[in-house]
Amino acid sequence: MIVLNTFDRIKSIFPTAVHRSKDASSDLDWFETQDGTVFGIPTLELSEREQKLLRMWATPIVQSDPHQRKWQERFQDDAFRFNHSFRLISLSLQEVEEETFESFISIIRDFMPHAEIVLITQKHIELIEQGSFIDLHEFEDVLRAIASDCFIEAYAVYSERPQGSLSQVYRQHQLLMPYARLSTKTYPASQLLYHYLLQEQDFKERMHRTAPLMKMLDLSTIELLESLFSHSLNVSHTAKALFMHRNTLNYRLDRLFETTGYDARKFYDASLLQLMVTLHKSD
């Protein structure tokens, strides 16, 4: 049996639908589904009734200025990469009206003046920080205050990377957003991916999600990680067990972070790496 992905199902209903990665024309009305699929339909094609039906399961993309559209397109562009550190915070808003949405954005802009604030839909905002990052505890405090004043729920997922693909991080966040279940709490994506892998029953799907990272790990790195896990992330004890200088071990862990985006010295990243290694050893 052939299982259609979200865009293929949309295409079967609207044959002229275009995926955002293939086109970004302004003469299309753009929409985003709950799983992050972005598609466009020619503006003049949809009747008013079809527009209403479509908006029941897809949210219209915010039509904005060229600068905003450039960043919207970069989330779909696998070729776009940062060669420096960045952090992506994905925000999902619930029960938000247009006036409330504008107030929310205004406060976020005041609090994060150096961040790129990309409006995807009225329920979906992406925040991109480069180089220096705000304190996440302060961000949660501000988010909590805004959510209380505006009577909305805001769910957040973040990832920090020393460099790499923006679209890859973005797609992972869309997959994991349903697992961010506490409003105004900011979840590291590694924590949510850990829970996703534990709850996902399809073995092939779990292997598919973890295969790209496992390809980056050679046998010596896996052995290093397993030793680190067995010594409760204690770098000194691990270095001693591996007959390695502590600085050499830290250097290798730094290189691992630069390559994969996961720091094995941090609890959530280490938990995720341990689960991935275990999954693939059982394959």
C-alpha atoms as a PDB file:
ATOM      1  CA  MET A   1       0.000   0.000   0.000  1.00  0.00           C
ATOM      2  CA  ILE A   2       1.351   3.446  -0.953  1.00  0.00           C
ATOM      3  CA  VAL A   3       1.224   6.006   1.868  1.00  0.00           C
ATOM      4  CA  LEU A   4       0.894   9.566   0.601  1.00  0.00           C
ATOM      5  CA  ASN A   5       2.694  12.374   2.379  1.00  0.00           C
ATOM      6  CA  THR A   6       0.873  15.594   3.227  1.00  0.00           C
ATOM      7  CA  PHE A   7       1.765  17.409   0.017  1.00  0.00           C
ATOM      8  CA  ASP A   8       0.786  14.438  -2.172  1.00  0.00           C
ATOM      9  CA  ARG A   9      -2.641  14.397  -0.488  1.00  0.00           C
ATOM     10  CA  ILE A  10      -3.007  18.141  -1.117  1.00  0.00           C
ATOM     11  CA  LYS A  11      -1.962  17.638  -4.738  1.00  0.00           C
ATOM     12  CA  SER A  12      -4.636  14.977  -5.183  1.00  0.00           C
ATOM     13  CA  ILE A  13      -7.300  17.534  -4.146  1.00  0.00           C
ATOM     14  CA  PHE A  14      -5.729  20.637  -5.733  1.00  0.00           C
ATOM     15  CA  PRO A  15      -3.761  19.492  -8.831  1.00  0.00           C
ATOM     16  CA  THR A  16      -2.235  22.954  -9.360  1.00  0.00           C
ATOM     17  CA  ALA A  17      -0.761  23.065  -5.830  1.00  0.00           C
ATOM     18  CA  VAL A  18       2.956  23.915  -5.683  1.00  0.00           C
ATOM     19  CA  HIS A  19       5.420  23.011  -2.930  1.00  0.00           C
ATOM     20  CA  ARG A  20       7.262  26.006  -1.429  1.00  0.00           C
ATOM     21  CA  SER A  21      10.649  24.413  -2.183  1.00  0.00           C
ATOM     22  CA  LYS A  22       9.816  24.460  -5.912  1.00  0.00           C
ATOM     23  CA  ASP A  23       8.325  27.921  -6.289  1.00  0.00           C
ATOM     24  CA  ALA A  24       7.876  31.148  -4.337  1.00  0.00           C
ATOM     25  CA  SER A  25       5.772  33.171  -6.736  1.00  0.00           C
ATOM     26  CA  SER A  26       3.767  36.110  -5.454  1.00  0.00           C
ATOM     27  CA  ASP A  27       0.731  35.140  -7.575  1.00  0.00           C
ATOM     28  CA  LEU A  28       0.095  32.150  -5.313  1.00  0.00           C
ATOM     29  CA  ASP A  29      -1.763  31.989  -2.015  1.00  0.00           C
ATOM     30  CA  TRP A  30       0.490  30.170   0.446  1.00  0.00           C
ATOM     31  CA  PHE A  31      -0.583  27.894   3.291  1.00  0.00           C
ATOM     32  CA  GLU A  32       1.045  25.834   6.032  1.00  0.00           C
ATOM     33  CA  THR A  33      -0.335  22.576   7.433  1.00  0.00           C
ATOM     34  CA  GLN A  34       0.074  21.446  11.042  1.00  0.00           C
ATOM     35  CA  ASP A  35       3.104  19.298  10.183  1.00  0.00           C
ATOM     36  CA  GLY A  36       4.913  22.262   8.599  1.00  0.00           C
ATOM     37  CA  THR A  37       4.209  21.467   4.934  1.00  0.00           C
ATOM     38  CA  VAL A  38       4.088  24.727   2.954  1.00  0.00           C
ATOM     39  CA  PHE A  39       2.212  24.838  -0.340  1.00  0.00           C
ATOM     40  CA  GLY A  40       0.776  27.419  -2.729  1.00  0.00           C
ATOM     41  CA  ILE A  41      -2.326  27.531  -4.925  1.00  0.00           C
ATOM     42  CA  PRO A  42      -2.924  30.076  -7.722  1.00  0.00           C
ATOM     43  CA  THR A  43      -4.669  33.079  -6.232  1.00  0.00           C
ATOM     44  CA  LEU A  44      -7.583  33.178  -8.662  1.00  0.00           C
ATOM     45  CA  GLU A  45      -8.288  29.449  -8.537  1.00  0.00           C
ATOM     46  CA  LEU A  46      -9.959  29.122  -5.144  1.00  0.00           C
ATOM     47  CA  SER A  47     -13.588  30.052  -4.627  1.00  0.00           C
ATOM     48  CA  GLU A  48     -14.610  31.690  -1.350  1.00  0.00           C
ATOM     49  CA  ARG A  49     -16.065  28.363  -0.167  1.00  0.00           C
ATOM     50  CA  GLU A  50     -12.843  26.513  -1.014  1.00  0.00           C
ATOM     51  CA  GLN A  51     -10.840  29.166   0.848  1.00  0.00           C
ATOM     52  CA  LYS A  52     -12.936  28.604   3.977  1.00  0.00           C
ATOM     53  CA  LEU A  53     -12.629  24.813   3.731  1.00  0.00           C
ATOM     54  CA  LEU A  54      -8.884  25.016   3.172  1.00  0.00           C
ATOM     55  CA  ARG A  55      -8.383  27.221   6.227  1.00  0.00           C
ATOM     56  CA  MET A  56      -9.975  24.544   8.421  1.00  0.00           C
ATOM     57  CA  TRP A  57      -6.809  22.397   8.159  1.00  0.00           C
ATOM     58  CA  ALA A  58      -4.166  24.788   6.796  1.00  0.00           C
ATOM     59  CA  THR A  59      -3.165  28.274   7.956  1.00  0.00           C
ATOM     60  CA  PRO A  60      -2.518  31.098   5.441  1.00  0.00           C
ATOM     61  CA  ILE A  61       1.107  32.219   5.248  1.00  0.00           C
ATOM     62  CA  VAL A  62       1.601  35.837   6.257  1.00  0.00           C
ATOM     63  CA  GLN A  63       2.020  37.861   3.060  1.00  0.00           C
ATOM     64  CA  SER A  64       4.710  40.358   3.956  1.00  0.00           C
ATOM     65  CA  ASP A  65       7.644  42.404   2.704  1.00  0.00           C
ATOM     66  CA  PRO A  66      10.545  41.021   0.595  1.00  0.00           C
ATOM     67  CA  HIS A  67      12.824  40.702   3.637  1.00  0.00           C
ATOM     68  CA  GLN A  68      10.297  38.469   5.393  1.00  0.00           C
ATOM     69  CA  ARG A  69       9.693  36.418   2.247  1.00  0.00           C
ATOM     70  CA  LYS A  70      13.444  35.878   1.880  1.00  0.00           C
ATOM     71  CA  TRP A  71      13.608  34.271   5.319  1.00  0.00           C
ATOM     72  CA  GLN A  72      10.403  32.286   4.748  1.00  0.00           C
ATOM     73  CA  GLU A  73      12.002  30.814   1.633  1.00  0.00           C
ATOM     74  CA  ARG A  74      15.258  30.015   3.445  1.00  0.00           C
ATOM     75  CA  PHE A  75      13.389  27.651   5.751  1.00  0.00           C
ATOM     76  CA  GLN A  76      12.652  25.557   2.654  1.00  0.00           C
ATOM     77  CA  ASP A  77      16.100  25.921   1.065  1.00  0.00           C
ATOM     78  CA  ASP A  78      18.452  23.028   1.890  1.00  0.00           C
ATOM     79  CA  ALA A  79      21.349  24.885   0.273  1.00  0.00           C
ATOM     80  CA  PHE A  80      21.186  27.791   2.750  1.00  0.00           C
ATOM     81  CA  ARG A  81      23.610  27.344   5.650  1.00  0.00           C
ATOM     82  CA  PHE A  82      25.060  29.447   8.451  1.00  0.00           C
ATOM     83  CA  ASN A  83      28.844  29.343   8.802  1.00  0.00           C
ATOM     84  CA  HIS A  84      28.608  30.704  12.345  1.00  0.00           C
ATOM     85  CA  SER A  85      26.637  29.948  15.511  1.00  0.00           C
ATOM     86  CA  PHE A  86      22.881  30.416  15.449  1.00  0.00           C
ATOM     87  CA  ARG A  87      19.826  29.568  17.472  1.00  0.00           C
ATOM     88  CA  LEU A  88      16.342  28.931  16.135  1.00  0.00           C
ATOM     89  CA  ILE A  89      13.317  29.330  18.407  1.00  0.00           C
ATOM     90  CA  SER A  90      10.048  28.090  16.930  1.00  0.00           C
ATOM     91  CA  LEU A  91       6.865  29.470  18.459  1.00  0.00           C
ATOM     92  CA  SER A  92       3.388  28.027  18.046  1.00  0.00           C
ATOM     93  CA  LEU A  93       0.511  30.235  19.216  1.00  0.00           C
ATOM     94  CA  GLN A  94      -3.001  29.110  20.119  1.00  0.00           C
ATOM     95  CA  GLU A  95      -6.212  31.079  20.472  1.00  0.00           C
ATOM     96  CA  VAL A  96      -4.724  34.237  18.988  1.00  0.00           C
ATOM     97  CA  GLU A  97      -6.610  37.038  17.225  1.00  0.00           C
ATOM     98  CA  GLU A  98      -5.090  39.537  14.804  1.00  0.00           C
ATOM     99  CA  GLU A  99      -4.873  42.446  17.260  1.00  0.00           C
ATOM    100  CA  THR A 100      -3.395  40.179  19.941  1.00  0.00           C
ATOM    101  CA  PHE A 101      -0.919  38.769  17.433  1.00  0.00           C
ATOM    102  CA  GLU A 102       0.344  42.262  16.565  1.00  0.00           C
ATOM    103  CA  SER A 103       0.815  43.124  20.263  1.00  0.00           C
ATOM    104  CA  PHE A 104       2.667  39.865  20.811  1.00  0.00           C
ATOM    105  CA  ILE A 105       5.061  40.563  17.930  1.00  0.00           C
ATOM    106  CA  SER A 106       5.668  44.132  19.096  1.00  0.00           C
ATOM    107  CA  ILE A 107       6.758  42.968  22.565  1.00  0.00           C
ATOM    108  CA  ILE A 108       8.987  40.215  21.142  1.00  0.00           C
ATOM    109  CA  ARG A 109      10.666  42.792  18.869  1.00  0.00           C
ATOM    110  CA  ASP A 110      11.375  45.053  21.850  1.00  0.00           C
ATOM    111  CA  PHE A 111      12.808  42.160  23.862  1.00  0.00           C
ATOM    112  CA  MET A 112      14.853  40.664  20.990  1.00  0.00           C
ATOM    113  CA  PRO A 113      15.937  43.672  18.865  1.00  0.00           C
ATOM    114  CA  HIS A 114      18.809  41.785  17.203  1.00  0.00           C
ATOM    115  CA  ALA A 115      16.841  38.660  16.266  1.00  0.00           C
ATOM    116  CA  GLU A 116      15.264  37.955  12.908  1.00  0.00           C
ATOM    117  CA  ILE A 117      11.540  37.582  13.617  1.00  0.00           C
ATOM    118  CA  VAL A 118       9.974  35.649  10.767  1.00  0.00           C
ATOM    119  CA  LEU A 119       6.178  35.559  10.611  1.00  0.00           C
ATOM    120  CA  ILE A 120       5.100  32.323   8.960  1.00  0.00           C
ATOM    121  CA  THR A 121       1.412  32.355   9.887  1.00  0.00           C
ATOM    122  CA  GLN A 122      -0.693  34.007  12.575  1.00  0.00           C
ATOM    123  CA  LYS A 123      -0.052  30.872  14.648  1.00  0.00           C
ATOM    124  CA  HIS A 124       3.586  30.254  13.773  1.00  0.00           C
ATOM    125  CA  ILE A 125       6.635  32.482  14.375  1.00  0.00           C
ATOM    126  CA  GLU A 126      10.331  31.708  13.931  1.00  0.00           C
ATOM    127  CA  LEU A 127      13.037  33.614  15.845  1.00  0.00           C
ATOM    128  CA  ILE A 128      16.616  33.468  14.531  1.00  0.00           C
ATOM    129  CA  GLU A 129      19.543  34.610  16.672  1.00  0.00           C
ATOM    130  CA  GLN A 130      23.081  34.782  15.351  1.00  0.00           C
ATOM    131  CA  GLY A 131      26.287  35.018  17.351  1.00  0.00           C
ATOM    132  CA  SER A 132      24.891  36.092  20.734  1.00  0.00           C
ATOM    133  CA  PHE A 133      21.798  34.639  22.380  1.00  0.00           C
ATOM    134  CA  ILE A 134      19.344  35.967  24.932  1.00  0.00           C
ATOM    135  CA  ASP A 135      18.969  34.170  28.247  1.00  0.00           C
ATOM    136  CA  LEU A 136      16.250  31.526  27.843  1.00  0.00           C
ATOM    137  CA  HIS A 137      15.006  31.916  31.416  1.00  0.00           C
ATOM    138  CA  GLU A 138      14.388  35.599  30.737  1.00  0.00           C
ATOM    139  CA  PHE A 139      12.723  34.667  27.445  1.00  0.00           C
ATOM    140  CA  GLU A 140      10.354  32.299  29.277  1.00  0.00           C
ATOM    141  CA  ASP A 141       9.532  35.032  31.807  1.00  0.00           C
ATOM    142  CA  VAL A 142       8.673  37.460  28.998  1.00  0.00           C
ATOM    143  CA  LEU A 143       6.708  34.774  27.151  1.00  0.00           C
ATOM    144  CA  ARG A 144       4.766  33.962  30.309  1.00  0.00           C
ATOM    145  CA  ALA A 145       3.921  37.624  30.890  1.00  0.00           C
ATOM    146  CA  ILE A 146       2.809  38.176  27.283  1.00  0.00           C
ATOM    147  CA  ALA A 147       0.736  35.002  27.241  1.00  0.00           C
ATOM    148  CA  SER A 148      -0.998  36.035  30.461  1.00  0.00           C
ATOM    149  CA  ASP A 149      -1.726  39.587  29.277  1.00  0.00           C
ATOM    150  CA  CYS A 150      -2.865  38.503  25.813  1.00  0.00           C
ATOM    151  CA  PHE A 151      -4.793  35.388  26.940  1.00  0.00           C
ATOM    152  CA  ILE A 152      -2.997  33.081  24.537  1.00  0.00           C
ATOM    153  CA  GLU A 153      -0.961  29.900  24.762  1.00  0.00           C
ATOM    154  CA  ALA A 154       2.562  29.907  23.332  1.00  0.00           C
ATOM    155  CA  TYR A 155       4.649  26.757  22.818  1.00  0.00           C
ATOM    156  CA  ALA A 156       8.368  27.015  22.046  1.00  0.00           C
ATOM    157  CA  VAL A 157      11.125  24.704  20.787  1.00  0.00           C
ATOM    158  CA  TYR A 158      14.741  25.778  20.313  1.00  0.00           C
ATOM    159  CA  SER A 159      18.001  24.486  18.891  1.00  0.00           C
ATOM    160  CA  GLU A 160      21.495  25.962  19.077  1.00  0.00           C
ATOM    161  CA  ARG A 161      24.028  25.096  16.394  1.00  0.00           C
ATOM    162  CA  PRO A 162      27.675  26.152  15.900  1.00  0.00           C
ATOM    163  CA  GLN A 163      26.901  26.241  12.152  1.00  0.00           C
ATOM    164  CA  GLY A 164      24.847  24.337   9.599  1.00  0.00           C
ATOM    165  CA  SER A 165      21.555  24.052   7.754  1.00  0.00           C
ATOM    166  CA  LEU A 166      18.650  26.249   8.844  1.00  0.00           C
ATOM    167  CA  SER A 167      16.053  24.203   6.940  1.00  0.00           C
ATOM    168  CA  GLN A 168      17.112  20.961   8.641  1.00  0.00           C
ATOM    169  CA  VAL A 169      16.622  22.449  12.112  1.00  0.00           C
ATOM    170  CA  TYR A 170      13.346  24.060  11.009  1.00  0.00           C
ATOM    171  CA  ARG A 171      11.880  20.771   9.725  1.00  0.00           C
ATOM    172  CA  GLN A 172      12.855  18.990  12.920  1.00  0.00           C
ATOM    173  CA  HIS A 173      11.092  21.652  14.987  1.00  0.00           C
ATOM    174  CA  GLN A 174       7.874  21.215  12.981  1.00  0.00           C
ATOM    175  CA  LEU A 175       8.001  17.480  13.634  1.00  0.00           C
ATOM    176  CA  LEU A 176       8.543  17.994  17.367  1.00  0.00           C
ATOM    177  CA  MET A 177       6.258  20.950  18.096  1.00  0.00           C
ATOM    178  CA  PRO A 178       3.280  18.727  19.099  1.00  0.00           C
ATOM    179  CA  TYR A 179       5.456  17.360  21.930  1.00  0.00           C
ATOM    180  CA  ALA A 180       5.920  20.847  23.450  1.00  0.00           C
ATOM    181  CA  ARG A 181       2.919  20.426  25.701  1.00  0.00           C
ATOM    182  CA  LEU A 182       3.445  23.084  28.371  1.00  0.00           C
ATOM    183  CA  SER A 183       2.612  26.626  27.354  1.00  0.00           C
ATOM    184  CA  THR A 184       5.347  29.284  27.857  1.00  0.00           C
ATOM    185  CA  LYS A 185       8.023  26.631  28.496  1.00  0.00           C
ATOM    186  CA  THR A 186      10.912  26.633  26.022  1.00  0.00           C
ATOM    187  CA  TYR A 187      11.980  23.085  25.152  1.00  0.00           C
ATOM    188  CA  PRO A 188      15.359  22.068  23.707  1.00  0.00           C
ATOM    189  CA  ALA A 189      14.675  20.115  20.516  1.00  0.00           C
ATOM    190  CA  SER A 190      16.960  17.296  21.715  1.00  0.00           C
ATOM    191  CA  GLN A 191      14.652  16.691  24.702  1.00  0.00           C
ATOM    192  CA  LEU A 192      11.581  16.467  22.477  1.00  0.00           C
ATOM    193  CA  LEU A 193      13.339  14.292  19.892  1.00  0.00           C
ATOM    194  CA  TYR A 194      14.261  11.906  22.711  1.00  0.00           C
ATOM    195  CA  HIS A 195      10.590  11.582  23.676  1.00  0.00           C
ATOM    196  CA  TYR A 196       9.568  11.291  20.029  1.00  0.00           C
ATOM    197  CA  LEU A 197      11.936   8.361  19.481  1.00  0.00           C
ATOM    198  CA  LEU A 198      10.681   6.625  22.629  1.00  0.00           C
ATOM    199  CA  GLN A 199       7.028   7.027  21.631  1.00  0.00           C
ATOM    200  CA  GLU A 200       7.379   6.362  17.899  1.00  0.00           C
ATOM    201  CA  GLN A 201       6.366   2.726  17.345  1.00  0.00           C
ATOM    202  CA  ASP A 202       7.543   2.436  13.726  1.00  0.00           C
ATOM    203  CA  PHE A 203      11.118   1.110  13.866  1.00  0.00           C
ATOM    204  CA  LYS A 204      11.856   2.199  10.280  1.00  0.00           C
ATOM    205  CA  GLU A 205      10.721   5.749  11.087  1.00  0.00           C
ATOM    206  CA  ARG A 206      12.983   5.904  14.124  1.00  0.00           C
ATOM    207  CA  MET A 207      15.926   4.668  12.081  1.00  0.00           C
ATOM    208  CA  HIS A 208      15.121   7.179   9.332  1.00  0.00           C
ATOM    209  CA  ARG A 209      15.114  10.086  11.799  1.00  0.00           C
ATOM    210  CA  THR A 210      18.412   9.079  13.399  1.00  0.00           C
ATOM    211  CA  ALA A 211      20.355   7.796  10.358  1.00  0.00           C
ATOM    212  CA  PRO A 212      21.808  11.191   9.242  1.00  0.00           C
ATOM    213  CA  LEU A 213      23.416  11.755  12.632  1.00  0.00           C
ATOM    214  CA  MET A 214      24.673   8.184  12.969  1.00  0.00           C
ATOM    215  CA  LYS A 215      26.475   8.533   9.635  1.00  0.00           C
ATOM    216  CA  MET A 216      28.554  11.290  11.248  1.00  0.00           C
ATOM    217  CA  LEU A 217      29.768   8.999  14.042  1.00  0.00           C
ATOM    218  CA  ASP A 218      32.688   6.666  13.378  1.00  0.00           C
ATOM    219  CA  LEU A 219      33.445   3.660  15.583  1.00  0.00           C
ATOM    220  CA  SER A 220      35.995   5.487  17.755  1.00  0.00           C
ATOM    221  CA  THR A 221      33.499   8.293  18.457  1.00  0.00           C
ATOM    222  CA  ILE A 222      30.798   5.800  19.415  1.00  0.00           C
ATOM    223  CA  GLU A 223      33.235   4.081  21.789  1.00  0.00           C
ATOM    224  CA  LEU A 224      34.123   7.465  23.290  1.00  0.00           C
ATOM    225  CA  LEU A 225      30.433   8.288  23.793  1.00  0.00           C
ATOM    226  CA  GLU A 226      29.665   4.931  25.381  1.00  0.00           C
ATOM    227  CA  SER A 227      32.516   5.469  27.844  1.00  0.00           C
ATOM    228  CA  LEU A 228      31.242   8.978  28.624  1.00  0.00           C
ATOM    229  CA  PHE A 229      27.731   7.602  29.238  1.00  0.00           C
ATOM    230  CA  SER A 230      29.026   4.831  31.512  1.00  0.00           C
ATOM    231  CA  HIS A 231      30.890   7.438  33.587  1.00  0.00           C
ATOM    232  CA  SER A 232      27.789   9.658  34.010  1.00  0.00           C
ATOM    233  CA  LEU A 233      29.181  12.373  31.697  1.00  0.00           C
ATOM    234  CA  ASN A 234      32.179  12.899  33.971  1.00  0.00           C
ATOM    235  CA  VAL A 235      34.894  14.078  31.578  1.00  0.00           C
ATOM    236  CA  SER A 236      37.803  13.431  33.984  1.00  0.00           C
ATOM    237  CA  HIS A 237      36.773   9.837  34.717  1.00  0.00           C
ATOM    238  CA  THR A 238      36.088   9.177  31.033  1.00  0.00           C
ATOM    239  CA  ALA A 239      39.478  10.539  29.973  1.00  0.00           C
ATOM    240  CA  LYS A 240      41.204   8.359  32.569  1.00  0.00           C
ATOM    241  CA  ALA A 241      39.314   5.245  31.419  1.00  0.00           C
ATOM    242  CA  LEU A 242      40.262   5.931  27.793  1.00  0.00           C
ATOM    243  CA  PHE A 243      43.927   6.708  28.688  1.00  0.00           C
ATOM    244  CA  MET A 244      43.364  10.131  27.147  1.00  0.00           C
ATOM    245  CA  HIS A 245      44.254  13.623  28.311  1.00  0.00           C
ATOM    246  CA  ARG A 246      41.222  15.573  29.522  1.00  0.00           C
ATOM    247  CA  ASN A 247      41.944  18.374  27.035  1.00  0.00           C
ATOM    248  CA  THR A 248      42.076  15.867  24.170  1.00  0.00           C
ATOM    249  CA  LEU A 249      38.703  14.471  25.203  1.00  0.00           C
ATOM    250  CA  ASN A 250      37.173  17.948  25.397  1.00  0.00           C
ATOM    251  CA  TYR A 251      38.617  18.752  21.982  1.00  0.00           C
ATOM    252  CA  ARG A 252      36.976  15.647  20.493  1.00  0.00           C
ATOM    253  CA  LEU A 253      33.669  16.529  22.144  1.00  0.00           C
ATOM    254  CA  ASP A 254      33.955  20.070  20.770  1.00  0.00           C
ATOM    255  CA  ARG A 255      34.487  18.625  17.295  1.00  0.00           C
ATOM    256  CA  LEU A 256      31.474  16.345  17.762  1.00  0.00           C
ATOM    257  CA  PHE A 257      29.345  19.376  18.637  1.00  0.00           C
ATOM    258  CA  GLU A 258      30.588  21.272  15.580  1.00  0.00           C
ATOM    259  CA  THR A 259      29.770  18.298  13.350  1.00  0.00           C
ATOM    260  CA  THR A 260      26.404  17.203  14.758  1.00  0.00           C
ATOM    261  CA  GLY A 261      25.059  20.158  16.747  1.00  0.00           C
ATOM    262  CA  TYR A 262      24.809  18.015  19.891  1.00  0.00           C
ATOM    263  CA  ASP A 263      26.995  18.575  22.962  1.00  0.00           C
ATOM    264  CA  ALA A 264      27.477  15.241  24.755  1.00  0.00           C
ATOM    265  CA  ARG A 265      28.380  17.114  27.969  1.00  0.00           C
ATOM    266  CA  LYS A 266      24.807  18.437  28.239  1.00  0.00           C
ATOM    267  CA  PHE A 267      22.155  16.182  29.749  1.00  0.00           C
ATOM    268  CA  TYR A 268      19.466  16.313  27.029  1.00  0.00           C
ATOM    269  CA  ASP A 269      21.947  16.061  24.165  1.00  0.00           C
ATOM    270  CA  ALA A 270      23.757  13.176  25.884  1.00  0.00           C
ATOM    271  CA  SER A 271      20.464  11.355  26.540  1.00  0.00           C
ATOM    272  CA  LEU A 272      19.514  11.687  22.897  1.00  0.00           C
ATOM    273  CA  LEU A 273      22.916  10.522  21.650  1.00  0.00           C
ATOM    274  CA  GLN A 274      22.822   7.529  23.999  1.00  0.00           C
ATOM    275  CA  LEU A 275      19.359   6.557  22.756  1.00  0.00           C
ATOM    276  CA  MET A 276      20.443   6.877  19.112  1.00  0.00           C
ATOM    277  CA  VAL A 277      23.558   4.763  19.650  1.00  0.00           C
ATOM    278  CA  THR A 278      21.472   2.117  21.447  1.00  0.00           C
ATOM    279  CA  LEU A 279      18.835   2.058  18.709  1.00  0.00           C
ATOM    280  CA  HIS A 280      21.387   1.512  15.972  1.00  0.00           C
ATOM    281  CA  LYS A 281      23.314  -1.131  17.905  1.00  0.00           C
ATOM    282  CA  SER A 282      20.071  -3.118  18.179  1.00  0.00           C
ATOM    283  CA  ASP A 283      19.433  -2.858  14.433  1.00  0.00           C
END
